[in-house]
N, C-alpha and C. Protein backbone atom coordinates (compact mmCIF):
# COMPACT_ATOMS: atom_id res chain seq x y z
N MET A 1 45.43 46.78 -42.55
CA MET A 1 45.33 45.22 -42.93
C MET A 1 44.28 44.75 -42.03
N SER A 2 43.32 43.91 -42.63
CA SER A 2 42.18 43.30 -41.79
C SER A 2 42.06 41.91 -42.34
N SER A 3 42.90 41.08 -41.80
CA SER A 3 42.66 39.67 -42.08
C SER A 3 41.53 39.08 -41.38
N GLU A 4 40.79 38.11 -41.90
CA GLU A 4 39.82 37.47 -41.44
C GLU A 4 40.25 36.56 -40.21
N ALA A 5 39.51 36.35 -39.09
CA ALA A 5 39.82 35.54 -38.13
C ALA A 5 40.05 34.06 -38.60
N MET A 6 40.94 33.35 -38.00
CA MET A 6 41.18 31.87 -38.69
C MET A 6 40.00 31.05 -38.40
N ARG A 7 39.62 30.47 -39.43
CA ARG A 7 38.52 29.49 -39.29
C ARG A 7 38.95 28.24 -38.54
N ASP A 8 38.10 27.47 -38.30
CA ASP A 8 38.20 26.30 -37.46
C ASP A 8 39.31 25.34 -38.46
N PRO A 9 40.45 25.15 -37.86
CA PRO A 9 41.54 24.43 -38.82
C PRO A 9 41.12 22.95 -39.11
N VAL A 10 40.16 22.47 -38.32
CA VAL A 10 39.83 21.10 -38.48
C VAL A 10 38.64 20.72 -39.47
N THR A 11 37.73 21.79 -39.50
CA THR A 11 36.59 21.63 -40.32
C THR A 11 36.71 22.49 -41.56
N ASP A 12 37.74 23.29 -41.64
CA ASP A 12 38.05 24.13 -42.83
C ASP A 12 37.94 23.19 -44.08
N PRO A 13 37.33 23.67 -45.12
CA PRO A 13 37.27 22.91 -46.50
C PRO A 13 38.50 22.99 -47.30
N LEU A 14 39.47 24.01 -46.91
CA LEU A 14 40.67 23.96 -47.50
C LEU A 14 41.68 23.09 -46.60
N LEU A 15 42.91 22.80 -47.20
CA LEU A 15 43.82 22.09 -46.26
C LEU A 15 44.46 22.85 -45.27
N THR A 16 44.57 22.41 -44.03
CA THR A 16 45.22 23.00 -43.13
C THR A 16 46.18 21.92 -42.33
N PRO A 17 47.26 22.38 -41.45
CA PRO A 17 48.01 21.37 -40.89
C PRO A 17 47.23 20.48 -39.89
N GLN A 18 46.13 20.95 -39.49
CA GLN A 18 45.32 20.21 -38.58
C GLN A 18 44.28 19.18 -39.25
N ASN A 19 44.05 19.26 -40.47
CA ASN A 19 43.06 18.49 -41.13
C ASN A 19 43.61 17.77 -42.30
N CYS A 20 44.92 17.45 -42.47
CA CYS A 20 45.34 16.71 -43.56
C CYS A 20 46.58 15.83 -43.22
N ALA A 21 46.72 14.83 -43.99
CA ALA A 21 47.88 13.91 -43.80
C ALA A 21 48.67 13.62 -45.17
N LEU A 22 49.71 13.23 -44.99
CA LEU A 22 50.48 12.97 -46.48
C LEU A 22 50.78 11.46 -46.43
N LEU A 23 50.41 10.89 -47.55
CA LEU A 23 50.68 9.57 -48.00
C LEU A 23 51.51 9.53 -49.05
N VAL A 24 52.81 8.93 -48.81
CA VAL A 24 53.78 8.77 -49.97
C VAL A 24 54.12 7.47 -50.39
N ILE A 25 53.78 7.03 -51.47
CA ILE A 25 53.65 5.68 -52.07
C ILE A 25 54.75 5.43 -53.14
N ASP A 26 55.59 4.35 -52.79
CA ASP A 26 56.43 3.84 -53.94
C ASP A 26 57.34 4.88 -54.70
N TYR A 27 58.03 5.77 -53.88
CA TYR A 27 59.03 6.61 -54.56
C TYR A 27 60.20 5.88 -54.52
N GLN A 28 60.51 4.93 -55.31
CA GLN A 28 61.60 3.78 -55.37
C GLN A 28 62.45 4.21 -56.69
N PRO A 29 63.62 3.82 -56.73
CA PRO A 29 64.46 4.08 -57.92
C PRO A 29 63.87 3.25 -59.12
N SER A 30 63.33 2.04 -59.00
CA SER A 30 62.89 1.26 -60.19
C SER A 30 61.54 1.94 -60.58
N GLN A 31 60.72 2.56 -59.73
CA GLN A 31 59.53 3.39 -60.13
C GLN A 31 59.89 4.50 -60.89
N ILE A 32 60.82 5.36 -60.62
CA ILE A 32 61.21 6.66 -60.94
C ILE A 32 61.91 6.34 -62.43
N GLN A 33 62.75 5.31 -62.54
CA GLN A 33 63.44 4.97 -63.70
C GLN A 33 62.35 4.68 -64.90
N ALA A 34 61.14 4.24 -64.45
CA ALA A 34 60.31 3.97 -65.66
C ALA A 34 59.43 5.02 -66.02
N VAL A 35 59.51 6.30 -65.38
CA VAL A 35 58.76 7.51 -65.83
C VAL A 35 59.50 8.15 -66.91
N THR A 36 58.58 8.47 -68.03
CA THR A 36 59.27 9.22 -69.03
C THR A 36 58.50 10.53 -69.35
N SER A 37 57.38 10.92 -68.44
CA SER A 37 56.85 11.96 -68.59
C SER A 37 57.34 13.26 -67.89
N ILE A 38 58.35 13.15 -67.26
CA ILE A 38 58.94 14.26 -66.46
C ILE A 38 60.42 13.98 -66.21
N ASP A 39 61.20 15.04 -66.25
CA ASP A 39 62.52 14.90 -65.86
C ASP A 39 62.79 14.31 -64.56
N HIS A 40 63.60 13.39 -64.36
CA HIS A 40 63.67 12.70 -63.16
C HIS A 40 64.26 13.48 -61.90
N ASP A 41 65.14 14.45 -62.37
CA ASP A 41 65.70 15.37 -61.21
C ASP A 41 64.60 16.34 -60.90
N LEU A 42 63.72 16.78 -61.73
CA LEU A 42 62.65 17.65 -61.37
C LEU A 42 61.72 16.94 -60.53
N LEU A 43 61.35 15.61 -60.79
CA LEU A 43 60.45 14.78 -60.12
C LEU A 43 60.89 14.64 -58.52
N ILE A 44 62.08 14.32 -58.50
CA ILE A 44 62.84 14.12 -57.14
C ILE A 44 62.59 15.50 -56.40
N ARG A 45 63.10 16.66 -56.92
CA ARG A 45 63.09 17.88 -56.32
C ARG A 45 61.54 18.15 -55.89
N ASN A 46 60.64 17.83 -56.61
CA ASN A 46 59.21 18.16 -56.27
C ASN A 46 58.76 17.48 -55.07
N ILE A 47 59.07 16.00 -54.99
CA ILE A 47 58.47 15.13 -53.98
C ILE A 47 59.09 15.61 -52.69
N VAL A 48 60.61 15.95 -52.74
CA VAL A 48 61.32 16.27 -51.65
C VAL A 48 60.70 17.60 -51.05
N SER A 49 60.32 18.59 -51.79
CA SER A 49 59.73 19.78 -51.49
C SER A 49 58.40 19.42 -50.84
N VAL A 50 57.58 18.71 -51.36
CA VAL A 50 56.34 18.15 -50.67
C VAL A 50 56.57 17.60 -49.41
N ALA A 51 57.65 16.65 -49.19
CA ALA A 51 57.85 16.17 -47.80
C ALA A 51 58.62 17.13 -46.84
N ARG A 52 59.22 18.04 -47.41
CA ARG A 52 59.76 19.11 -46.50
C ARG A 52 58.50 20.15 -45.90
N LEU A 53 57.67 20.24 -46.88
CA LEU A 53 56.50 21.07 -46.34
C LEU A 53 55.67 20.33 -45.39
N ALA A 54 55.54 19.04 -45.62
CA ALA A 54 54.69 18.23 -44.57
C ALA A 54 55.55 18.14 -43.32
N LYS A 55 56.68 18.14 -43.28
CA LYS A 55 57.58 18.17 -42.08
C LYS A 55 57.43 19.59 -41.23
N THR A 56 57.36 20.72 -42.11
CA THR A 56 57.41 21.94 -41.63
C THR A 56 56.17 22.23 -40.94
N TYR A 57 54.91 21.73 -41.49
CA TYR A 57 53.83 21.81 -40.85
C TYR A 57 53.19 20.80 -39.93
N GLY A 58 54.20 19.97 -39.71
CA GLY A 58 53.84 18.74 -38.79
C GLY A 58 52.77 17.85 -39.30
N LEU A 59 52.59 17.58 -40.52
CA LEU A 59 51.60 16.63 -40.97
C LEU A 59 51.84 15.25 -40.59
N PRO A 60 50.92 14.46 -40.24
CA PRO A 60 51.09 12.90 -40.15
C PRO A 60 51.53 12.40 -41.51
N ILE A 61 52.61 11.67 -41.57
CA ILE A 61 52.96 11.03 -42.90
C ILE A 61 53.11 9.49 -42.79
N VAL A 62 52.53 8.98 -43.88
CA VAL A 62 52.55 7.50 -43.99
C VAL A 62 53.47 7.16 -45.27
N LEU A 63 54.59 6.49 -45.00
CA LEU A 63 55.50 6.15 -46.16
C LEU A 63 55.29 4.81 -46.58
N SER A 64 55.23 4.46 -47.84
CA SER A 64 55.09 2.86 -48.10
C SER A 64 56.01 2.74 -49.38
N THR A 65 56.56 1.43 -49.54
CA THR A 65 57.23 0.91 -50.61
C THR A 65 56.73 -0.44 -51.02
N VAL A 66 57.07 -1.00 -52.10
CA VAL A 66 56.60 -2.27 -52.70
C VAL A 66 57.64 -3.10 -53.13
N ASN A 67 57.60 -4.40 -52.68
CA ASN A 67 58.48 -5.47 -53.11
C ASN A 67 59.86 -5.29 -52.64
N VAL A 68 60.30 -4.54 -51.50
CA VAL A 68 61.61 -4.53 -51.08
C VAL A 68 62.13 -5.80 -50.41
N ALA A 69 61.34 -6.29 -49.44
CA ALA A 69 61.69 -7.53 -48.72
C ALA A 69 61.45 -8.79 -49.66
N ALA A 70 60.37 -8.65 -50.43
CA ALA A 70 60.06 -9.88 -51.12
C ALA A 70 60.83 -10.05 -52.38
N ASN A 71 61.17 -9.01 -53.18
CA ASN A 71 61.91 -9.23 -54.42
C ASN A 71 63.14 -8.46 -54.49
N GLY A 72 63.46 -7.73 -53.41
CA GLY A 72 64.74 -7.09 -53.50
C GLY A 72 64.82 -5.72 -54.20
N GLN A 73 63.63 -5.19 -54.42
CA GLN A 73 63.52 -3.77 -54.92
C GLN A 73 64.21 -2.79 -54.03
N PRO A 74 64.88 -1.75 -54.42
CA PRO A 74 65.41 -0.69 -53.65
C PRO A 74 64.42 0.04 -52.93
N PRO A 75 64.70 0.57 -51.66
CA PRO A 75 63.62 1.31 -50.91
C PRO A 75 63.45 2.59 -51.27
N THR A 76 62.76 3.46 -50.68
CA THR A 76 62.60 4.87 -50.89
C THR A 76 63.85 5.53 -51.48
N ILE A 77 63.80 6.44 -52.50
CA ILE A 77 65.01 7.11 -52.93
C ILE A 77 65.67 7.96 -51.73
N PRO A 78 66.94 7.98 -51.67
CA PRO A 78 67.64 8.49 -50.53
C PRO A 78 67.44 9.96 -50.30
N GLU A 79 67.22 10.77 -51.43
CA GLU A 79 66.78 12.18 -51.26
C GLU A 79 65.63 12.34 -50.43
N LEU A 80 64.67 11.61 -50.70
CA LEU A 80 63.24 11.67 -49.97
C LEU A 80 63.38 10.98 -48.73
N LYS A 81 64.17 9.92 -48.47
CA LYS A 81 64.26 9.25 -47.17
C LYS A 81 65.03 10.09 -46.09
N GLN A 82 65.92 10.96 -46.61
CA GLN A 82 66.66 11.89 -45.78
C GLN A 82 65.64 12.72 -44.98
N ILE A 83 64.79 13.24 -45.68
CA ILE A 83 63.72 14.16 -45.14
C ILE A 83 62.84 13.30 -44.38
N LEU A 84 62.43 12.05 -44.68
CA LEU A 84 61.48 11.46 -43.84
C LEU A 84 62.17 10.25 -43.06
N SER A 85 63.34 10.62 -42.39
CA SER A 85 64.19 9.57 -41.78
C SER A 85 63.62 9.07 -40.56
N ASP A 86 62.52 9.76 -39.96
CA ASP A 86 61.82 9.19 -38.89
C ASP A 86 60.59 8.55 -39.26
N SER A 87 60.25 8.27 -40.42
CA SER A 87 59.04 7.61 -41.01
C SER A 87 59.54 6.26 -41.28
N VAL A 88 58.77 5.24 -40.84
CA VAL A 88 58.99 3.82 -41.00
C VAL A 88 58.37 3.37 -42.37
N GLU A 89 59.12 2.82 -43.16
CA GLU A 89 58.51 2.44 -44.43
C GLU A 89 57.74 1.21 -44.27
N ILE A 90 56.57 1.36 -44.89
CA ILE A 90 55.58 0.08 -44.78
C ILE A 90 55.77 -0.58 -46.18
N ASP A 91 56.43 -1.70 -46.05
CA ASP A 91 56.78 -2.49 -47.25
C ASP A 91 55.67 -3.45 -47.67
N ARG A 92 55.27 -3.30 -48.92
CA ARG A 92 54.10 -4.22 -49.36
C ARG A 92 54.40 -5.34 -50.50
N THR A 93 53.58 -6.19 -50.52
CA THR A 93 53.46 -6.91 -51.78
C THR A 93 52.36 -6.73 -52.56
N GLN A 94 51.29 -6.03 -51.98
CA GLN A 94 50.19 -5.72 -52.57
C GLN A 94 50.27 -4.55 -53.61
N ILE A 95 49.76 -4.67 -54.87
CA ILE A 95 49.92 -3.60 -55.73
C ILE A 95 49.15 -2.39 -55.33
N ASN A 96 47.81 -2.66 -54.87
CA ASN A 96 47.05 -1.72 -54.51
C ASN A 96 47.22 -1.59 -52.87
N SER A 97 47.84 -0.28 -52.57
CA SER A 97 48.47 -0.13 -51.21
C SER A 97 47.26 -0.22 -50.35
N TRP A 98 46.03 0.04 -50.54
CA TRP A 98 44.89 0.00 -49.61
C TRP A 98 44.49 -1.46 -49.06
N GLU A 99 45.06 -2.39 -49.91
CA GLU A 99 44.78 -3.80 -49.61
C GLU A 99 45.92 -4.39 -48.62
N ASP A 100 46.83 -3.50 -48.37
CA ASP A 100 47.91 -4.00 -47.36
C ASP A 100 47.36 -3.58 -45.90
N ILE A 101 47.34 -4.58 -45.06
CA ILE A 101 46.71 -4.21 -43.77
C ILE A 101 47.51 -3.14 -42.91
N ASP A 102 48.95 -3.28 -42.93
CA ASP A 102 49.65 -2.28 -42.23
C ASP A 102 49.52 -0.87 -42.66
N PHE A 103 49.37 -0.74 -44.06
CA PHE A 103 49.16 0.64 -44.70
C PHE A 103 47.82 1.12 -44.20
N ARG A 104 46.89 0.22 -44.39
CA ARG A 104 45.52 0.74 -44.08
C ARG A 104 45.40 1.05 -42.64
N GLN A 105 45.99 0.30 -41.70
CA GLN A 105 45.96 0.50 -40.24
C GLN A 105 46.58 1.91 -39.87
N GLN A 106 47.73 2.27 -40.61
CA GLN A 106 48.41 3.35 -40.46
C GLN A 106 47.60 4.69 -40.82
N SER A 107 47.02 4.40 -42.02
CA SER A 107 46.14 5.49 -42.76
C SER A 107 44.96 5.67 -41.85
N LYS A 108 44.45 4.59 -41.24
CA LYS A 108 43.22 4.67 -40.43
C LYS A 108 43.35 5.67 -39.20
N ARG A 109 44.66 5.64 -38.80
CA ARG A 109 44.79 6.65 -37.64
C ARG A 109 44.50 8.03 -37.97
N GLN A 110 44.43 8.38 -39.21
CA GLN A 110 44.30 9.71 -39.63
C GLN A 110 42.81 9.90 -40.17
N ALA A 111 41.85 9.01 -39.62
CA ALA A 111 40.41 9.29 -40.08
C ALA A 111 40.00 10.61 -39.62
N GLY A 112 39.21 11.23 -40.50
CA GLY A 112 38.78 12.56 -40.45
C GLY A 112 39.70 13.60 -40.96
N ARG A 113 40.81 13.24 -41.55
CA ARG A 113 41.75 14.06 -42.38
C ARG A 113 41.57 13.96 -43.66
N ASN A 114 41.92 15.07 -44.35
CA ASN A 114 42.28 14.93 -45.91
C ASN A 114 43.46 14.21 -46.03
N TRP A 115 43.61 13.16 -47.02
CA TRP A 115 44.93 12.62 -47.10
C TRP A 115 45.40 13.13 -48.54
N SER A 116 46.64 13.61 -48.68
CA SER A 116 47.17 13.94 -50.08
C SER A 116 48.08 12.89 -50.43
N TRP A 117 47.82 12.23 -51.52
CA TRP A 117 48.35 10.99 -51.77
C TRP A 117 49.43 11.23 -52.96
N GLN A 118 50.60 10.73 -52.83
CA GLN A 118 51.60 10.94 -53.74
C GLN A 118 52.21 9.64 -54.22
N ARG A 119 51.93 9.29 -55.27
CA ARG A 119 52.50 8.06 -55.65
C ARG A 119 53.07 7.87 -57.00
N TYR A 120 54.02 6.89 -57.24
CA TYR A 120 54.40 6.66 -58.59
C TYR A 120 54.37 5.23 -58.91
N GLY A 121 53.65 4.50 -58.39
CA GLY A 121 53.42 3.15 -58.87
C GLY A 121 52.72 3.06 -60.22
N ARG A 122 53.52 2.29 -61.15
CA ARG A 122 53.05 2.36 -62.53
C ARG A 122 51.75 1.55 -62.60
N ARG A 123 51.50 0.59 -61.68
CA ARG A 123 50.31 -0.13 -61.73
C ARG A 123 49.22 -0.07 -60.75
N CYS A 124 48.91 1.36 -60.53
CA CYS A 124 47.82 1.71 -59.57
C CYS A 124 48.37 1.35 -58.14
N ALA A 125 49.54 1.61 -57.85
CA ALA A 125 50.14 1.27 -56.48
C ALA A 125 49.46 2.19 -55.45
N GLY A 126 49.04 3.29 -55.89
CA GLY A 126 48.34 4.15 -54.89
C GLY A 126 47.03 4.57 -55.07
N VAL A 127 46.20 3.67 -55.90
CA VAL A 127 44.83 3.96 -56.14
C VAL A 127 43.96 3.94 -55.01
N PRO A 128 43.30 5.04 -54.69
CA PRO A 128 42.37 4.99 -53.50
C PRO A 128 41.23 4.17 -53.70
N ASP A 129 41.11 3.16 -52.97
CA ASP A 129 40.01 2.21 -53.17
C ASP A 129 38.87 2.53 -52.12
N SER A 130 37.71 3.00 -52.61
CA SER A 130 36.69 3.65 -51.67
C SER A 130 36.13 2.32 -50.62
N GLY A 131 36.41 1.10 -51.13
CA GLY A 131 35.96 0.02 -50.34
C GLY A 131 36.96 -0.40 -49.29
N ARG A 132 38.18 0.00 -49.35
CA ARG A 132 39.24 -0.41 -48.45
C ARG A 132 39.65 0.85 -47.62
N ALA A 133 39.75 2.15 -48.26
CA ALA A 133 40.15 3.28 -47.48
C ALA A 133 39.37 3.46 -46.32
N PRO A 134 40.19 3.75 -45.12
CA PRO A 134 39.34 3.92 -43.85
C PRO A 134 38.31 4.99 -43.91
N ARG A 135 37.15 4.65 -43.34
CA ARG A 135 35.98 5.51 -43.02
C ARG A 135 36.37 6.75 -42.51
N GLY A 136 35.92 7.98 -43.13
CA GLY A 136 36.38 9.29 -42.63
C GLY A 136 37.60 9.85 -43.08
N LEU A 137 38.24 9.08 -43.98
CA LEU A 137 39.57 9.72 -44.44
C LEU A 137 39.21 10.06 -45.97
N ARG A 138 39.22 11.43 -46.07
CA ARG A 138 38.94 12.25 -47.39
C ARG A 138 40.02 12.26 -48.24
N GLY A 139 39.94 11.95 -49.54
CA GLY A 139 41.13 11.94 -50.62
C GLY A 139 41.24 13.19 -51.18
N VAL A 140 42.52 13.60 -51.27
CA VAL A 140 42.88 14.83 -51.97
C VAL A 140 44.00 14.35 -52.87
N SER A 141 43.77 14.12 -54.23
CA SER A 141 44.85 13.69 -55.01
C SER A 141 45.89 14.82 -55.19
N GLY A 142 47.12 14.61 -54.93
CA GLY A 142 48.22 15.47 -55.19
C GLY A 142 49.11 15.16 -56.34
N ARG A 143 48.38 14.40 -57.28
CA ARG A 143 49.36 13.96 -58.39
C ARG A 143 50.39 14.83 -59.00
N ARG A 144 50.00 16.13 -59.28
CA ARG A 144 51.14 16.96 -59.88
C ARG A 144 51.78 17.82 -58.79
N CYS A 145 51.48 17.57 -57.54
CA CYS A 145 52.43 18.13 -56.39
C CYS A 145 53.95 17.61 -56.77
N SER A 146 54.00 16.41 -57.21
CA SER A 146 55.29 15.78 -57.53
C SER A 146 55.50 15.76 -59.07
N GLY A 147 54.65 16.34 -59.87
CA GLY A 147 54.87 16.55 -61.15
C GLY A 147 54.44 15.70 -62.25
N ARG A 148 53.61 14.73 -62.14
CA ARG A 148 53.26 14.05 -63.10
C ARG A 148 51.72 14.08 -63.29
N ASN A 149 51.22 14.36 -64.46
CA ASN A 149 49.82 14.34 -64.82
C ASN A 149 49.39 13.02 -65.20
N LEU A 150 48.84 12.21 -64.55
CA LEU A 150 48.59 10.81 -64.74
C LEU A 150 47.14 10.62 -65.42
N ALA A 151 47.15 10.61 -66.61
CA ALA A 151 45.68 10.35 -67.17
C ALA A 151 45.26 9.00 -66.76
N GLY A 152 45.97 8.02 -66.52
CA GLY A 152 45.76 6.73 -66.13
C GLY A 152 45.20 6.86 -64.85
N GLY A 153 45.36 7.90 -63.97
CA GLY A 153 44.93 7.81 -62.54
C GLY A 153 43.53 8.27 -62.36
N ALA A 154 42.92 8.62 -63.45
CA ALA A 154 41.55 9.14 -63.39
C ALA A 154 40.48 8.25 -62.75
N PRO A 155 40.55 6.88 -62.91
CA PRO A 155 39.56 6.14 -62.27
C PRO A 155 39.88 6.16 -60.65
N GLY A 156 41.08 6.12 -60.41
CA GLY A 156 41.49 6.00 -58.81
C GLY A 156 41.01 7.44 -58.33
N GLY A 157 41.21 8.45 -59.03
CA GLY A 157 40.76 9.73 -58.55
C GLY A 157 39.29 9.78 -58.34
N ALA A 158 38.52 9.24 -59.17
CA ALA A 158 37.02 9.15 -59.03
C ALA A 158 36.75 8.37 -57.90
N ARG A 159 37.54 7.30 -57.52
CA ARG A 159 37.14 6.55 -56.33
C ARG A 159 37.40 7.41 -55.17
N ALA A 160 38.62 8.22 -55.26
CA ALA A 160 38.87 9.03 -53.94
C ALA A 160 37.81 10.06 -53.82
N HIS A 161 36.99 10.38 -54.87
CA HIS A 161 35.97 11.56 -54.80
C HIS A 161 34.72 10.95 -54.16
N ARG A 162 34.38 9.83 -54.45
CA ARG A 162 32.99 9.29 -54.15
C ARG A 162 32.83 9.29 -52.58
N PRO A 163 33.77 8.85 -51.73
CA PRO A 163 33.67 8.81 -50.42
C PRO A 163 33.71 10.20 -49.74
N GLY A 164 33.64 11.29 -50.52
CA GLY A 164 33.73 12.66 -49.87
C GLY A 164 35.04 13.33 -50.23
N GLY A 165 35.87 12.79 -50.97
CA GLY A 165 37.26 13.37 -51.29
C GLY A 165 37.04 14.39 -52.56
N ARG A 166 38.30 14.94 -52.84
CA ARG A 166 38.22 15.83 -54.07
C ARG A 166 39.64 15.45 -54.87
N THR A 167 39.45 15.49 -56.06
CA THR A 167 40.76 15.49 -56.79
C THR A 167 41.19 16.71 -57.20
N THR A 168 42.59 16.99 -57.11
CA THR A 168 43.09 18.26 -57.53
C THR A 168 44.31 18.02 -58.40
N HIS A 169 44.73 19.11 -59.19
CA HIS A 169 45.81 19.07 -59.82
C HIS A 169 46.63 20.38 -59.63
N ARG A 170 47.09 20.37 -58.24
CA ARG A 170 47.83 21.35 -57.56
C ARG A 170 49.27 21.04 -57.82
N VAL A 171 50.05 22.12 -57.83
CA VAL A 171 51.66 21.80 -57.71
C VAL A 171 51.96 22.29 -56.36
N TRP A 172 53.17 21.85 -56.04
CA TRP A 172 53.34 21.86 -54.46
C TRP A 172 53.57 23.28 -54.00
N VAL A 173 53.79 24.31 -54.82
CA VAL A 173 53.77 25.56 -54.33
C VAL A 173 52.26 26.08 -53.85
N SER A 174 51.40 25.60 -54.65
CA SER A 174 49.97 25.80 -54.30
C SER A 174 49.63 25.11 -53.02
N LEU A 175 50.20 23.98 -52.60
CA LEU A 175 49.91 23.19 -51.48
C LEU A 175 50.52 24.11 -50.51
N ALA A 176 51.75 24.58 -50.59
CA ALA A 176 52.37 25.51 -49.64
C ALA A 176 51.56 26.72 -49.15
N CYS A 177 50.99 27.31 -50.26
CA CYS A 177 50.06 28.55 -49.93
C CYS A 177 48.88 28.10 -49.29
N GLU A 178 48.29 26.94 -49.50
CA GLU A 178 47.11 26.66 -48.84
C GLU A 178 47.38 26.22 -47.36
N LEU A 179 48.60 25.61 -47.15
CA LEU A 179 48.82 25.23 -45.58
C LEU A 179 49.26 26.67 -45.02
N GLN A 180 49.98 27.43 -45.66
CA GLN A 180 50.41 28.62 -44.91
C GLN A 180 49.16 29.67 -44.68
N ARG A 181 48.61 29.96 -45.72
CA ARG A 181 47.23 30.80 -45.78
C ARG A 181 47.51 32.14 -45.50
N ASP A 182 48.39 32.51 -44.45
CA ASP A 182 48.51 34.03 -43.88
C ASP A 182 50.00 34.14 -43.62
N TRP A 183 50.50 35.15 -44.14
CA TRP A 183 51.90 35.52 -43.85
C TRP A 183 52.17 36.00 -42.41
N ALA A 184 50.98 36.34 -41.64
CA ALA A 184 51.08 36.66 -40.41
C ALA A 184 51.40 35.45 -39.47
N ARG A 185 51.23 34.21 -39.94
CA ARG A 185 51.42 33.18 -39.20
C ARG A 185 53.12 32.80 -39.30
N THR A 186 53.80 33.59 -38.52
CA THR A 186 55.14 33.69 -38.88
C THR A 186 56.01 32.45 -38.67
N ASP A 187 55.54 31.65 -37.68
CA ASP A 187 56.59 30.49 -37.21
C ASP A 187 57.05 29.64 -38.48
N THR A 188 56.34 29.41 -39.76
CA THR A 188 56.63 28.59 -40.64
C THR A 188 57.00 29.38 -41.95
N VAL A 189 57.05 30.79 -41.61
CA VAL A 189 57.48 31.49 -42.93
C VAL A 189 58.88 31.20 -43.33
N PRO A 190 59.91 31.14 -42.61
CA PRO A 190 61.23 31.06 -43.07
C PRO A 190 61.57 29.96 -43.71
N GLU A 191 60.94 28.60 -43.17
CA GLU A 191 61.27 27.45 -43.72
C GLU A 191 60.53 27.21 -45.11
N VAL A 192 59.33 27.77 -45.16
CA VAL A 192 58.53 27.69 -46.54
C VAL A 192 59.28 28.53 -47.55
N VAL A 193 59.76 29.65 -47.33
CA VAL A 193 60.55 30.56 -48.29
C VAL A 193 61.92 29.85 -48.73
N ASP A 194 62.50 28.99 -47.70
CA ASP A 194 63.69 28.34 -48.04
C ASP A 194 63.39 27.21 -48.88
N ILE A 195 62.25 26.46 -48.66
CA ILE A 195 61.94 25.37 -49.53
C ILE A 195 61.60 25.92 -51.02
N VAL A 196 61.01 27.00 -51.19
CA VAL A 196 60.72 27.56 -52.48
C VAL A 196 61.95 28.04 -53.17
N LEU A 197 62.79 28.76 -52.43
CA LEU A 197 63.94 29.20 -53.01
C LEU A 197 65.19 28.00 -53.41
N THR A 198 65.13 26.99 -52.45
CA THR A 198 65.96 26.04 -52.78
C THR A 198 65.57 25.28 -54.13
N SER A 199 64.24 25.05 -54.17
CA SER A 199 63.83 24.28 -55.34
C SER A 199 64.13 25.07 -56.61
N ARG A 200 63.89 26.43 -56.54
CA ARG A 200 64.03 27.38 -57.82
C ARG A 200 65.57 27.44 -58.12
N LEU A 201 66.34 27.62 -57.15
CA LEU A 201 67.77 27.63 -57.36
C LEU A 201 68.26 26.42 -57.93
N ARG A 202 67.68 25.26 -57.72
CA ARG A 202 68.18 24.04 -58.26
C ARG A 202 67.46 23.52 -59.58
N LYS A 203 67.20 24.65 -60.39
CA LYS A 203 66.74 24.35 -61.69
C LYS A 203 65.41 24.76 -61.91
N GLY A 204 64.69 25.18 -61.02
CA GLY A 204 63.33 25.61 -61.32
C GLY A 204 62.24 24.72 -60.87
N LEU A 205 61.06 25.18 -61.05
CA LEU A 205 59.87 24.25 -60.69
C LEU A 205 59.52 23.47 -61.78
């Protein structure tokens, strides 16, 4: 066996635990109930798997909801909140999360990282706005990490791309492989295997 030496994990063009962050936007019951393009149980399993991966690799996580305090919408779904129990929900009234000051400030702390955005707002709740997104924060759209191929997200994806980001259509298992990269990095292997097996045993990917 002759693996290459590890590249600089900060400047690596692929995702690494040192160069990316996870933004989780509007995974609330009312949002999920409006989705018809994917089985709801599968959607929830997928985003839970993404969240578990983020925790396994120590990614910074920004969690946001919309209209909880203002209009009584339920907060983050319990299955996801259980995984992200130490993440404070940033509750907004702004439809575009980048126009919320608290959300933008939390995201700004991750400047220089790639952000993988997972969102289910029906009205562009997570549209990356190149005029509002913090300078130095590069967008990596993870729309299909959680399962839905949003044709309507294309304009937002284009905006994510312009400031130096890239749009992808990865599934979460591909995200796991990109973060792990080498099975010789054994510290995270047991948890990654458990995440994959747990998801498959619970009705597949």
